[in-house]
Protein backbone atom coordinates (compact mmCIF):
# COMPACT_ATOMS: atom_id res chain seq x y z
CA MET A 1 50.31 -41.61 -9.17
CA ASN A 2 48.91 -40.88 -5.70
CA THR A 3 45.46 -41.70 -6.91
CA LEU A 4 46.64 -45.02 -8.25
CA THR A 5 48.44 -45.85 -5.05
CA GLN A 6 45.30 -44.99 -3.00
CA SER A 7 43.19 -47.15 -5.26
CA VAL A 8 45.54 -50.08 -4.81
CA LYS A 9 45.53 -49.64 -1.04
CA LYS A 10 41.77 -49.42 -1.01
CA PHE A 11 41.50 -52.57 -3.17
CA ARG A 12 43.84 -54.45 -0.81
CA ARG A 13 41.34 -53.94 1.97
CA THR A 14 38.42 -55.39 0.01
CA PRO A 15 37.38 -59.05 0.31
CA ALA A 16 38.00 -59.59 -3.40
CA PHE A 17 41.70 -58.86 -3.04
CA THR A 18 42.76 -62.35 -1.90
CA GLY A 19 40.69 -63.90 -4.71
CA PHE A 20 42.37 -61.55 -7.20
CA VAL A 21 45.81 -62.66 -5.98
CA LEU A 22 44.84 -66.32 -6.24
CA PHE A 23 43.41 -65.77 -9.70
CA THR A 24 46.60 -63.99 -10.78
CA ILE A 25 48.79 -66.87 -9.48
CA ALA A 26 46.61 -69.50 -11.18
CA LEU A 27 46.64 -67.43 -14.46
CA VAL A 28 50.48 -67.26 -14.50
CA MET A 29 50.67 -71.02 -13.66
CA ASN A 30 48.29 -71.76 -16.53
CA ILE A 31 50.16 -69.61 -19.00
CA LEU A 32 53.50 -71.17 -18.09
CA MET A 33 52.31 -74.77 -18.04
CA GLN A 34 50.38 -74.55 -21.35
CA GLY A 35 53.37 -72.70 -22.96
CA ILE A 36 55.82 -75.42 -21.78
CA ASN A 37 53.46 -78.23 -22.82
CA SER A 38 52.74 -76.93 -26.27
CA GLY A 39 56.18 -75.48 -26.96
CA THR A 40 54.60 -72.08 -27.71
CA PRO A 41 55.17 -69.56 -24.85
CA LEU A 42 52.00 -67.57 -25.67
CA ALA A 43 49.72 -70.50 -26.49
CA PHE A 44 47.30 -69.40 -23.77
CA PHE A 45 46.59 -66.16 -25.57
CA LYS A 46 45.37 -67.87 -28.79
CA PRO A 47 41.72 -66.89 -29.25
CA ALA A 48 40.78 -70.47 -29.95
CA PHE A 49 41.98 -71.55 -26.52
CA TYR A 50 40.65 -68.81 -24.22
CA GLY A 51 37.48 -68.68 -26.26
CA SER A 52 36.90 -72.35 -25.77
CA MET A 53 37.77 -72.13 -22.01
CA LEU A 54 35.30 -69.25 -21.46
CA MET A 55 32.54 -70.95 -23.47
CA THR A 56 32.97 -74.22 -21.53
CA ASN A 57 33.18 -72.62 -18.10
CA ALA A 58 30.71 -69.79 -18.48
CA PRO A 59 27.84 -71.75 -16.90
CA PHE A 60 30.01 -72.49 -13.78
CA ILE A 61 31.15 -68.87 -13.50
CA LEU A 62 27.62 -67.60 -13.77
CA THR A 63 26.49 -70.09 -11.20
CA THR A 64 29.18 -68.89 -8.81
CA MET A 65 28.17 -65.32 -9.39
CA ALA A 66 24.56 -66.27 -8.53
CA GLN A 67 25.74 -68.13 -5.41
CA SER A 68 27.63 -65.05 -4.31
CA LEU A 69 24.44 -62.99 -4.27
CA LEU A 70 22.90 -65.42 -1.78
CA LEU A 71 25.97 -65.50 0.40
CA ILE A 72 25.84 -61.65 0.70
CA VAL A 73 22.30 -61.87 2.00
CA GLY A 74 23.19 -64.74 4.37
CA LEU A 75 21.96 -67.75 2.35
CA PHE A 76 23.32 -70.34 0.07
CA ASP A 77 21.82 -72.96 -2.33
CA ILE A 78 23.54 -76.33 -3.02
CA SER A 79 20.72 -77.17 -5.52
CA ILE A 80 21.88 -74.32 -7.80
CA GLY A 81 23.73 -76.73 -9.98
CA ILE A 82 20.82 -79.06 -10.82
CA GLN A 83 18.80 -75.94 -11.54
CA LEU A 84 21.12 -75.43 -14.54
CA ALA A 85 20.05 -78.87 -15.74
CA LEU A 86 16.35 -77.90 -15.26
CA VAL A 87 16.86 -74.81 -17.49
CA ASN A 88 18.74 -76.98 -20.08
CA VAL A 89 15.95 -79.66 -20.08
CA ILE A 90 13.11 -77.15 -20.63
CA CYS A 91 15.09 -75.28 -23.30
CA ILE A 92 15.35 -78.52 -25.25
CA MET A 93 12.01 -80.19 -24.60
CA VAL A 94 9.62 -77.25 -25.17
CA PRO A 95 10.56 -76.77 -28.81
CA GLN A 96 11.00 -80.53 -29.36
CA GLU A 97 7.71 -81.74 -27.79
CA LEU A 98 5.42 -78.72 -28.20
CA GLY A 99 6.71 -77.38 -31.51
CA LEU A 100 7.16 -73.93 -30.08
CA PRO A 101 9.94 -71.53 -31.15
CA ILE A 102 13.31 -71.88 -29.40
CA TRP A 103 12.90 -68.43 -27.70
CA ALA A 104 9.66 -69.72 -26.14
CA GLY A 105 11.65 -72.60 -24.63
CA TRP A 106 14.14 -70.15 -23.20
CA LEU A 107 11.37 -68.01 -21.67
CA ALA A 108 9.66 -71.14 -20.11
CA ALA A 109 12.99 -72.29 -18.74
CA MET A 110 13.67 -68.91 -17.23
CA GLY A 111 10.24 -68.75 -15.74
CA ALA A 112 10.46 -72.25 -14.30
CA ASN A 113 13.79 -71.45 -12.66
CA LEU A 114 12.39 -68.26 -11.17
CA LEU A 115 9.53 -70.29 -9.69
CA VAL A 116 12.08 -72.70 -8.16
CA SER A 117 14.05 -69.83 -6.78
CA ALA A 118 10.94 -68.30 -5.31
CA ALA A 119 10.02 -71.64 -3.65
CA PHE A 120 13.56 -71.96 -2.26
CA GLY A 121 13.31 -68.37 -0.89
CA ALA A 122 9.92 -69.07 0.70
CA CYS A 123 11.29 -72.21 2.44
CA SER A 124 14.50 -70.67 3.61
CA SER A 125 13.37 -67.12 4.38
CA LEU A 126 9.61 -67.23 5.03
CA LEU A 127 9.52 -70.61 6.73
CA ARG A 128 13.05 -70.19 8.17
CA LEU A 129 14.10 -73.70 7.31
CA PRO A 130 17.92 -74.31 7.21
CA ALA A 131 19.23 -73.44 3.74
CA MET A 132 21.42 -76.60 3.72
CA LEU A 133 18.41 -78.85 4.20
CA VAL A 134 16.30 -76.96 1.76
CA GLY A 135 18.98 -77.12 -0.92
CA TYR A 136 19.53 -80.79 -0.29
CA ALA A 137 15.78 -81.53 -0.66
CA PHE A 138 15.45 -79.29 -3.74
CA THR A 139 18.38 -81.19 -5.41
CA PHE A 140 16.33 -84.46 -5.40
CA ILE A 141 13.03 -82.73 -6.24
CA ILE A 142 14.44 -80.93 -9.23
CA LYS A 143 16.35 -84.04 -10.29
CA GLY A 144 13.06 -85.95 -10.29
CA VAL A 145 11.33 -83.23 -12.34
CA ASN A 146 14.22 -83.22 -14.82
CA VAL A 147 14.07 -86.98 -15.39
CA SER A 148 10.22 -86.80 -15.66
CA ILE A 149 10.53 -84.23 -18.42
CA MET A 150 13.58 -85.85 -20.11
CA SER A 151 14.15 -89.47 -19.29
CA LYS A 152 17.57 -89.65 -20.96
CA PRO A 153 20.07 -87.23 -22.61
CA GLN A 154 18.56 -86.23 -25.96
CA GLY A 155 17.58 -83.35 -28.22
CA LYS A 156 19.51 -80.90 -30.25
CA VAL A 157 19.87 -77.25 -30.87
CA PRO A 158 19.93 -75.86 -34.48
CA LYS A 159 23.37 -74.97 -35.67
CA GLU A 160 22.30 -71.41 -36.54
CA VAL A 161 21.36 -70.98 -32.83
CA TYR A 162 24.33 -72.41 -31.01
CA LEU A 163 27.03 -71.41 -33.46
CA PRO A 164 27.00 -67.67 -32.62
CA TYR A 165 27.61 -68.51 -28.96
CA GLN A 166 30.58 -70.78 -29.87
CA THR A 167 32.25 -68.23 -32.10
CA LEU A 168 34.44 -65.22 -31.45
CA ILE A 169 33.33 -61.72 -32.32
CA GLY A 170 35.97 -60.21 -34.58
CA GLY A 171 37.96 -63.36 -34.05
CA VAL A 172 39.08 -62.40 -30.62
CA LEU A 173 36.10 -61.66 -28.34
CA PRO A 174 34.11 -64.68 -26.89
CA VAL A 175 30.32 -64.25 -26.62
CA ALA A 176 30.51 -66.00 -23.29
CA LEU A 177 32.69 -63.22 -21.90
CA LEU A 178 30.13 -60.62 -22.99
CA VAL A 179 27.43 -62.54 -21.13
CA ILE A 180 29.50 -62.64 -17.92
CA VAL A 181 30.40 -58.92 -18.20
CA ALA A 182 26.75 -58.07 -18.77
CA ILE A 183 25.70 -59.92 -15.58
CA PHE A 184 28.51 -58.27 -13.66
CA LEU A 185 27.46 -54.80 -14.88
CA MET A 186 23.88 -55.59 -13.79
CA TRP A 187 25.30 -56.41 -10.31
CA LEU A 188 27.18 -53.13 -10.16
CA LEU A 189 24.02 -51.21 -11.02
CA ILE A 190 22.07 -53.11 -8.27
CA LYS A 191 24.84 -52.60 -5.79
CA ARG A 192 24.51 -48.79 -6.16
CA ARG A 193 20.74 -48.94 -5.74
CA PRO A 194 18.86 -49.17 -2.46
CA LEU A 195 18.43 -52.97 -3.09
CA GLY A 196 22.20 -53.44 -3.03
CA LYS A 197 22.48 -51.65 0.36
CA HIS A 198 19.58 -53.71 1.67
CA LEU A 199 21.28 -56.97 0.59
CA TYR A 200 24.34 -56.07 2.69
CA ALA A 201 22.31 -54.82 5.60
CA VAL A 202 20.23 -57.98 5.84
CA GLY A 203 23.29 -60.18 5.38
CA GLY A 204 25.23 -58.27 8.00
CA ASN A 205 22.54 -58.24 10.71
CA PRO A 206 18.91 -59.08 9.94
CA ARG A 207 17.61 -57.73 13.21
CA ASN A 208 19.27 -54.33 12.78
CA ALA A 209 18.04 -54.20 9.18
CA TYR A 210 14.49 -54.93 10.39
CA ALA A 211 14.78 -52.22 13.03
CA ALA A 212 15.82 -49.81 10.25
CA GLY A 213 12.68 -50.59 8.33
CA ILE A 214 14.01 -53.19 5.93
CA SER A 215 12.21 -56.48 5.47
CA PRO A 216 14.74 -59.32 5.64
CA VAL A 217 12.23 -61.76 4.08
CA LYS A 218 11.51 -59.46 1.13
CA VAL A 219 15.21 -58.74 0.55
CA GLN A 220 16.09 -62.46 0.64
CA MET A 221 13.29 -63.21 -1.78
CA GLN A 222 14.56 -60.60 -4.17
CA ALA A 223 18.11 -62.08 -3.88
CA ASN A 224 16.69 -65.53 -4.75
CA LEU A 225 14.90 -64.18 -7.76
CA LEU A 226 18.06 -62.46 -9.00
CA LYS A 227 19.89 -65.75 -8.38
CA GLY A 228 17.24 -67.52 -10.47
CA PHE A 229 17.69 -65.11 -13.30
CA ILE A 230 21.50 -65.49 -13.40
CA VAL A 231 21.17 -69.29 -13.21
CA GLY A 232 18.67 -69.14 -16.05
CA VAL A 233 21.18 -67.26 -18.17
CA GLY A 234 23.80 -69.87 -17.21
CA GLY A 235 21.44 -72.74 -18.13
CA ILE A 236 20.86 -71.22 -21.57
CA CYS A 237 24.62 -70.91 -22.03
CA LEU A 238 24.97 -74.62 -21.01
CA THR A 239 22.37 -75.54 -23.64
CA LEU A 240 24.14 -73.57 -26.30
CA MET A 241 27.50 -75.07 -25.33
CA ASN A 242 26.24 -78.74 -25.45
CA ALA A 243 23.64 -78.18 -28.13
CA SER A 244 21.68 -80.98 -26.46
CA GLY A 245 19.96 -81.86 -23.17
CA ASN A 246 20.97 -83.85 -20.11
CA PRO A 247 18.70 -84.03 -17.01
CA LEU A 248 21.44 -84.94 -14.59
CA GLN A 249 24.32 -82.70 -15.54
CA ALA A 250 25.96 -79.95 -13.53
CA GLU A 251 24.70 -81.22 -10.09
CA ASP A 252 28.23 -80.77 -8.57
CA TYR A 253 28.16 -77.05 -9.47
CA GLY A 254 26.23 -76.42 -6.26
CA LEU A 255 29.10 -77.27 -3.94
CA ARG A 256 31.76 -76.21 -6.42
CA SER A 257 30.20 -72.67 -6.67
CA LEU A 258 30.17 -72.41 -2.87
CA ILE A 259 33.86 -73.40 -2.69
CA ALA A 260 34.69 -70.95 -5.49
CA CYS A 261 32.91 -68.14 -3.61
CA ILE A 262 34.97 -68.74 -0.50
CA LEU A 263 38.14 -68.96 -2.59
CA GLY A 264 37.31 -65.56 -3.96
CA GLY A 265 37.01 -64.06 -0.46
CA MET A 266 33.29 -64.34 0.23
CA GLY A 267 31.99 -64.58 3.75
CA PHE A 268 28.58 -65.65 5.07
CA GLY A 269 26.35 -62.59 5.27
CA GLY A 270 27.28 -58.99 4.33
CA TRP A 271 30.90 -59.77 3.38
CA GLY A 272 32.24 -59.86 -0.14
CA SER A 273 30.84 -59.10 -3.58
CA MET A 274 30.16 -60.73 -6.85
CA ALA A 275 33.77 -59.95 -7.89
CA CYS A 276 34.79 -62.54 -5.28
CA GLY A 277 32.73 -65.17 -7.09
CA VAL A 278 34.27 -64.29 -10.46
CA PHE A 279 37.83 -64.47 -9.10
CA GLY A 280 37.12 -67.65 -7.13
CA ALA A 281 35.50 -69.43 -10.09
CA SER A 282 38.32 -68.40 -12.42
CA PHE A 283 40.95 -69.61 -9.91
CA PHE A 284 38.99 -72.90 -9.70
CA VAL A 285 39.03 -73.36 -13.48
CA LEU A 286 42.60 -72.18 -14.13
CA ILE A 287 44.07 -74.44 -11.44
CA GLN A 288 42.43 -77.52 -12.97
CA ASN A 289 43.75 -76.52 -16.40
CA ALA A 290 47.26 -75.94 -15.09
CA VAL A 291 47.37 -79.34 -13.38
CA TYR A 292 46.14 -81.00 -16.54
CA TYR A 293 48.87 -79.43 -18.62
CA PHE A 294 51.47 -80.23 -15.94
CA PHE A 295 50.79 -83.93 -16.09
CA SER A 296 50.51 -83.86 -19.87
CA TYR A 297 54.03 -82.34 -20.00
CA LEU A 298 55.38 -85.07 -17.60
CA SER A 299 53.94 -87.73 -19.77
CA LYS A 300 55.90 -86.33 -22.73
CA VAL A 301 59.31 -85.91 -21.06
CA ILE A 302 59.21 -89.13 -18.89
CA THR A 303 58.92 -92.37 -20.81
CA GLY A 304 56.15 -94.58 -19.69
CA PHE A 305 54.79 -91.97 -17.20
CA ALA A 306 51.04 -91.95 -17.01
CA VAL A 307 48.60 -91.10 -14.22
CA SER A 308 44.88 -91.43 -13.95
CA THR A 309 42.49 -88.46 -13.65
CA TYR A 310 42.15 -89.36 -9.95
CA TRP A 311 45.71 -88.17 -9.31
CA GLN A 312 45.12 -85.01 -11.31
CA ASN A 313 42.00 -84.27 -9.27
CA LEU A 314 43.92 -85.02 -6.03
CA VAL A 315 46.64 -82.44 -6.92
CA SER A 316 44.14 -79.78 -8.02
CA ASP A 317 42.05 -80.37 -4.87
CA VAL A 318 45.08 -80.01 -2.60
CA ILE A 319 45.86 -76.67 -4.34
CA LEU A 320 42.27 -75.56 -3.89
CA LEU A 321 42.39 -76.57 -0.19
CA LEU A 322 45.54 -74.44 0.27
CA GLY A 323 43.80 -71.58 -1.50
CA LEU A 324 40.81 -71.96 0.83
CA LEU A 325 43.08 -71.77 3.89
CA VAL A 326 44.78 -68.67 2.61
CA THR A 327 41.46 -66.99 1.84
CA ILE A 328 39.93 -67.83 5.27
CA ILE A 329 43.06 -66.59 7.18
CA THR A 330 43.19 -63.39 5.07
CA ALA A 331 39.46 -62.66 5.48
CA ARG A 332 39.72 -63.16 9.25
CA GLU A 333 42.59 -60.64 9.37
CA GLN A 334 40.68 -58.19 7.10
CA ARG A 335 37.70 -58.29 9.42
CA LYS A 336 39.87 -57.86 12.46
CA THR A 337 41.58 -54.83 10.85
CA LEU A 338 38.23 -53.37 9.92
CA LYS A 339 36.82 -53.76 13.43
CA GLU A 340 39.95 -52.18 14.93
CA GLY A 341 39.69 -49.25 12.48
CA LEU A 342 36.11 -48.66 13.37
CA PHE A 343 36.86 -48.95 17.08
CA ASN A 344 39.77 -46.41 16.79
CA GLN A 345 37.50 -44.00 14.89
CA PHE A 346 34.78 -44.31 17.48
CA LYS A 347 37.35 -43.83 20.32
CA GLY A 348 38.81 -40.85 18.53
CA GLY A 349 35.37 -39.38 18.14
CA GLU A 350 34.74 -39.81 21.88
CA ALA A 351 37.95 -38.08 22.70
CA ARG A 352 37.08 -35.06 20.50
CA VAL A 353 33.68 -34.84 22.14
CA SER A 354 35.13 -34.99 25.68
CA ARG A 355 37.42 -32.06 24.80
């Protein structure tokens, strides 16, 4: 029991705690609203529902996880959304136009996105251009490349390829969940390796990291390549979800993933973890679902009641804004408490030395 209590107290001091609380609130709201709307209290737990929700939102969750890596190292990329479309376009067009196997298209898409990520890293880290401007420029560059390769939405994925992704293993376990868990386990492994420590060191203070023998440019390039790999996986998931190609889709994932990271408790440089991105993205998705079911219920019980999607978006955006405020205030207090704790430890150490 003491071990459990200590673990809870330790978790409460982590940046991901606020994101976890917001995620839990959104999950409860979603369960209640869907249960009330459908007349079945446990409708949320039907495999068909949560499987579909995970399959649909896995690309966004993976994009947010990739964005969280960059935030740890002190960068961010608003072009990360359109990069999903780049992967999707290449996955479709390589087999369609060149007659190559589907797996060759996936490898080509992954390689192309790694090149884009390396180029972004070179501009933002090596040339020290502002990440916001680089991301803005890359958005239009990649969009142009996408349209050049695929002028309009087209293509298809064979049923035997996309169907396994859209089914449930054993009737209960979504394949999309396994993909997300696999990427998260990869992050846990990296976090325990020297690279993980270097990511936080560079994000926390690049000058101190350089003085300690760590190359900030090299670490930021490695973070960008990891980001490119995760976005590549997300783009393949997007392709399997839609079973077709669209050169202009998912562009808004860039800003949405950044918002989701902050909602989950991420800070800019050395504060937070990929868990923050997972909780933030999940909160983002669940709130939008809960608002949708809330208005659907009102339309059933109130005769003639109907609202446009603009009002639904307004309500969900207001809730997201409140979540952002809570996260920012909580993160500020957590950092203050951490600094005070370190100061007290240092002060106590000085006292012991003076004795």
